[in-house]
Amino acid sequence: MEPPARTTKQRKKAEERIAELEAALAEANRKADGYLNQLRYARADLDNLQKQTQRRADEAAERANDRLIQELLTVLDELTIVACSSEAKDAKLTEGLAMVSGKLAKLLEAEGVKPIEAQGTSFDPFKHEAVAEVETTEEPDGYVIEEIRRGYTYKGRVLRASMVKVARSPESGEKKVSDVT
């Protein structure tokens, strides 16, 4: 058996070593927690960046769709005008144009484009563009009496406002707005 002094010395040395190792372990745990927090923040930043990038891509696609749909609406208007024209001499041509116009209208509707109902409704400056006021007693003051160009909404937003003529009672005393078109 070893003398007690040596055992006490070894024990004291072992306890010091254990204390050093425990301190090193605590420091390593503190660093690991710091790295874990940094990783969590980096992951959250990455997720936010991905969401922002997706949102921007969606907005860009939406703007591109808006421009394309507005161009298609112009084509639809022109087809409708030609198909409804009384000057069209060829009945089959007129019928064919009406069919193409109808198919284009259905395609746009399937993509979320909806016509704005204007005639007979109260004037809404967010949906209608007044191009003239017409004195009349047949319709209430401020109601749309004629739609000159159809308006459309796309996914709940006004894509193009309806161009309309608005009723004005003769006794209102305001000046008549002349036709813009």
Protein backbone atom coordinates (compact mmCIF):
# COMPACT_ATOMS: atom_id res chain seq x y z
CA MET A 1 0.00 0.00 0.00
CA GLU A 2 1.09 3.52 -0.79
CA PRO A 3 1.72 6.07 1.84
CA PRO A 4 -1.24 8.38 2.52
CA ALA A 5 0.65 11.54 1.50
CA ARG A 6 1.14 10.29 -2.00
CA THR A 7 -2.54 9.30 -2.34
CA THR A 8 -3.64 12.71 -1.11
CA LYS A 9 -1.31 14.40 -3.59
CA GLN A 10 -2.61 12.26 -6.44
CA ARG A 11 -6.16 12.83 -5.37
CA LYS A 12 -5.62 16.60 -5.27
CA LYS A 13 -4.00 16.49 -8.71
CA ALA A 14 -6.89 14.38 -10.08
CA GLU A 15 -9.44 16.81 -8.64
CA GLU A 16 -7.62 19.74 -10.23
CA ARG A 17 -7.58 17.89 -13.55
CA ILE A 18 -11.30 17.12 -13.21
CA ALA A 19 -12.00 20.82 -12.49
CA GLU A 20 -9.97 21.81 -15.58
CA LEU A 21 -11.85 19.31 -17.73
CA GLU A 22 -15.21 20.45 -16.36
CA ALA A 23 -14.28 24.09 -17.13
CA ALA A 24 -13.17 23.10 -20.64
CA LEU A 25 -16.42 21.17 -21.10
CA ALA A 26 -18.48 24.16 -19.93
CA GLU A 27 -16.57 26.42 -22.35
CA ALA A 28 -17.10 23.94 -25.21
CA ASN A 29 -20.84 23.76 -24.38
CA ARG A 30 -21.05 27.57 -24.34
CA LYS A 31 -19.35 27.75 -27.75
CA ALA A 32 -21.59 24.98 -29.12
CA ASP A 33 -24.70 26.87 -27.93
CA GLY A 34 -23.38 30.03 -29.61
CA TYR A 35 -22.79 28.14 -32.87
CA LEU A 36 -26.24 26.57 -32.65
CA ASN A 37 -27.84 29.99 -32.23
CA GLN A 38 -25.84 31.33 -35.18
CA LEU A 39 -27.01 28.36 -37.24
CA ARG A 40 -30.63 29.01 -36.26
CA TYR A 41 -30.36 32.69 -37.23
CA ALA A 42 -28.68 31.78 -40.51
CA ARG A 43 -31.43 29.24 -41.25
CA ALA A 44 -34.15 31.81 -40.49
CA ASP A 45 -32.40 34.35 -42.74
CA LEU A 46 -32.20 31.77 -45.52
CA ASP A 47 -35.90 30.91 -45.15
CA ASN A 48 -36.82 34.62 -45.25
CA LEU A 49 -34.64 35.15 -48.32
CA GLN A 50 -36.24 32.19 -50.09
CA LYS A 51 -39.75 33.50 -49.30
CA GLN A 52 -38.82 37.00 -50.47
CA THR A 53 -37.29 35.65 -53.69
CA GLN A 54 -40.40 33.54 -54.37
CA ARG A 55 -42.66 36.52 -53.70
CA ARG A 56 -40.63 38.68 -56.12
CA ALA A 57 -40.74 35.97 -58.78
CA ASP A 58 -44.51 35.65 -58.34
CA GLU A 59 -44.94 39.43 -58.60
CA ALA A 60 -42.82 39.53 -61.77
CA ALA A 61 -44.89 36.73 -63.31
CA GLU A 62 -48.07 38.55 -62.28
CA ARG A 63 -46.90 41.78 -63.97
CA ALA A 64 -46.01 39.83 -67.12
CA ASN A 65 -49.46 38.19 -67.06
CA ASP A 66 -51.11 41.59 -66.61
CA ARG A 67 -49.38 42.99 -69.69
CA LEU A 68 -50.21 39.93 -71.80
CA ILE A 69 -53.83 39.91 -70.66
CA GLN A 70 -54.21 43.62 -71.44
CA GLU A 71 -52.93 42.99 -74.96
CA LEU A 72 -55.33 40.05 -75.34
CA LEU A 73 -58.21 42.22 -74.12
CA THR A 74 -57.47 44.69 -76.91
CA VAL A 75 -57.61 41.83 -79.43
CA LEU A 76 -60.87 40.59 -77.86
CA ASP A 77 -62.39 44.09 -78.13
CA GLU A 78 -61.43 44.36 -81.78
CA LEU A 79 -62.78 40.89 -82.59
CA THR A 80 -66.03 41.69 -80.82
CA ILE A 81 -66.39 44.98 -82.68
CA VAL A 82 -65.80 43.32 -86.05
CA ALA A 83 -68.10 40.39 -85.23
CA CYS A 84 -70.91 42.73 -84.16
CA SER A 85 -70.37 45.16 -87.02
CA SER A 86 -73.38 45.63 -89.26
CA GLU A 87 -71.01 46.28 -92.18
CA ALA A 88 -69.78 42.68 -92.22
CA LYS A 89 -71.05 41.25 -95.49
CA ASP A 90 -69.96 37.66 -95.11
CA ALA A 91 -72.18 35.91 -92.55
CA LYS A 92 -69.77 32.96 -92.17
CA LEU A 93 -66.85 35.31 -91.54
CA THR A 94 -68.90 37.18 -88.95
CA GLU A 95 -69.89 33.89 -87.32
CA GLY A 96 -66.25 32.72 -87.30
CA LEU A 97 -65.08 35.96 -85.70
CA ALA A 98 -67.79 35.64 -83.06
CA MET A 99 -66.63 32.07 -82.30
CA VAL A 100 -62.98 33.16 -81.99
CA SER A 101 -64.02 36.07 -79.80
CA GLY A 102 -66.06 33.73 -77.58
CA LYS A 103 -63.18 31.26 -77.23
CA LEU A 104 -60.77 34.04 -76.30
CA ALA A 105 -63.24 35.37 -73.73
CA LYS A 106 -63.61 31.88 -72.20
CA LEU A 107 -59.83 31.42 -72.10
CA LEU A 108 -59.37 34.73 -70.29
CA GLU A 109 -62.18 33.88 -67.87
CA ALA A 110 -60.54 30.52 -67.10
CA GLU A 111 -57.34 32.43 -66.21
CA GLY A 112 -59.21 34.62 -63.71
CA VAL A 113 -60.17 37.59 -65.91
CA LYS A 114 -63.75 38.70 -65.27
CA PRO A 115 -65.72 41.46 -66.99
CA ILE A 116 -66.90 44.38 -64.89
CA GLU A 117 -70.67 44.76 -65.02
CA ALA A 118 -71.26 48.45 -65.60
CA GLN A 119 -74.57 49.17 -67.34
CA GLY A 120 -77.36 49.94 -64.91
CA THR A 121 -75.06 50.09 -61.87
CA SER A 122 -74.03 53.03 -59.75
CA PHE A 123 -70.88 54.78 -60.99
CA ASP A 124 -67.80 53.51 -59.13
CA PRO A 125 -64.60 55.51 -59.82
CA PHE A 126 -62.49 52.46 -58.97
CA LYS A 127 -64.16 50.35 -61.67
CA HIS A 128 -65.46 52.91 -64.17
CA GLU A 129 -63.95 55.72 -66.17
CA ALA A 130 -66.56 58.35 -66.99
CA VAL A 131 -66.11 59.76 -70.48
CA ALA A 132 -69.40 61.64 -70.65
CA GLU A 133 -72.40 62.71 -68.62
CA VAL A 134 -75.80 62.47 -70.26
CA GLU A 135 -78.81 64.40 -69.04
CA THR A 136 -81.70 62.00 -68.59
CA THR A 137 -84.68 61.38 -66.38
CA GLU A 138 -84.85 57.67 -67.25
CA GLU A 139 -81.97 56.63 -64.96
CA PRO A 140 -81.08 57.82 -61.46
CA ASP A 141 -78.34 60.44 -61.13
CA GLY A 142 -74.88 58.84 -61.06
CA TYR A 143 -75.86 55.56 -62.75
CA VAL A 144 -74.05 54.12 -65.76
CA ILE A 145 -76.33 54.36 -68.80
CA GLU A 146 -73.93 53.16 -71.49
CA GLU A 147 -70.75 51.13 -71.56
CA ILE A 148 -68.38 52.31 -74.29
CA ARG A 149 -65.55 49.90 -73.55
CA ARG A 150 -65.81 46.90 -71.25
CA GLY A 151 -63.62 46.78 -68.16
CA TYR A 152 -62.08 43.71 -66.54
CA THR A 153 -60.75 42.50 -63.22
CA TYR A 154 -57.94 39.99 -62.77
CA LYS A 155 -57.60 38.13 -59.49
CA GLY A 156 -59.72 40.70 -57.70
CA ARG A 157 -57.85 43.76 -59.05
CA VAL A 158 -59.15 46.13 -61.69
CA LEU A 159 -57.08 45.40 -64.78
CA ARG A 160 -58.86 47.89 -66.99
CA ALA A 161 -61.67 50.23 -65.96
CA SER A 162 -64.89 50.32 -67.97
CA MET A 163 -65.33 53.44 -70.11
CA VAL A 164 -68.88 54.61 -69.45
CA LYS A 165 -71.42 57.35 -69.88
CA VAL A 166 -73.06 58.43 -66.63
CA ALA A 167 -76.61 59.69 -66.11
CA ARG A 168 -77.10 63.18 -64.79
CA SER A 169 -80.46 64.64 -63.92
CA PRO A 170 -81.26 67.82 -65.86
CA GLU A 171 -81.91 69.80 -62.68
CA SER A 172 -78.46 69.11 -61.17
CA GLY A 173 -77.09 72.22 -62.92
CA GLU A 174 -73.62 70.89 -63.70
CA LYS A 175 -71.93 71.32 -67.04
CA LYS A 176 -72.01 68.37 -69.42
CA VAL A 177 -68.67 66.62 -69.88
CA SER A 178 -67.90 66.17 -73.56
CA ASP A 179 -66.98 62.80 -75.06
CA VAL A 180 -63.30 61.97 -74.71
CA THR A 181 -63.29 59.28 -77.40
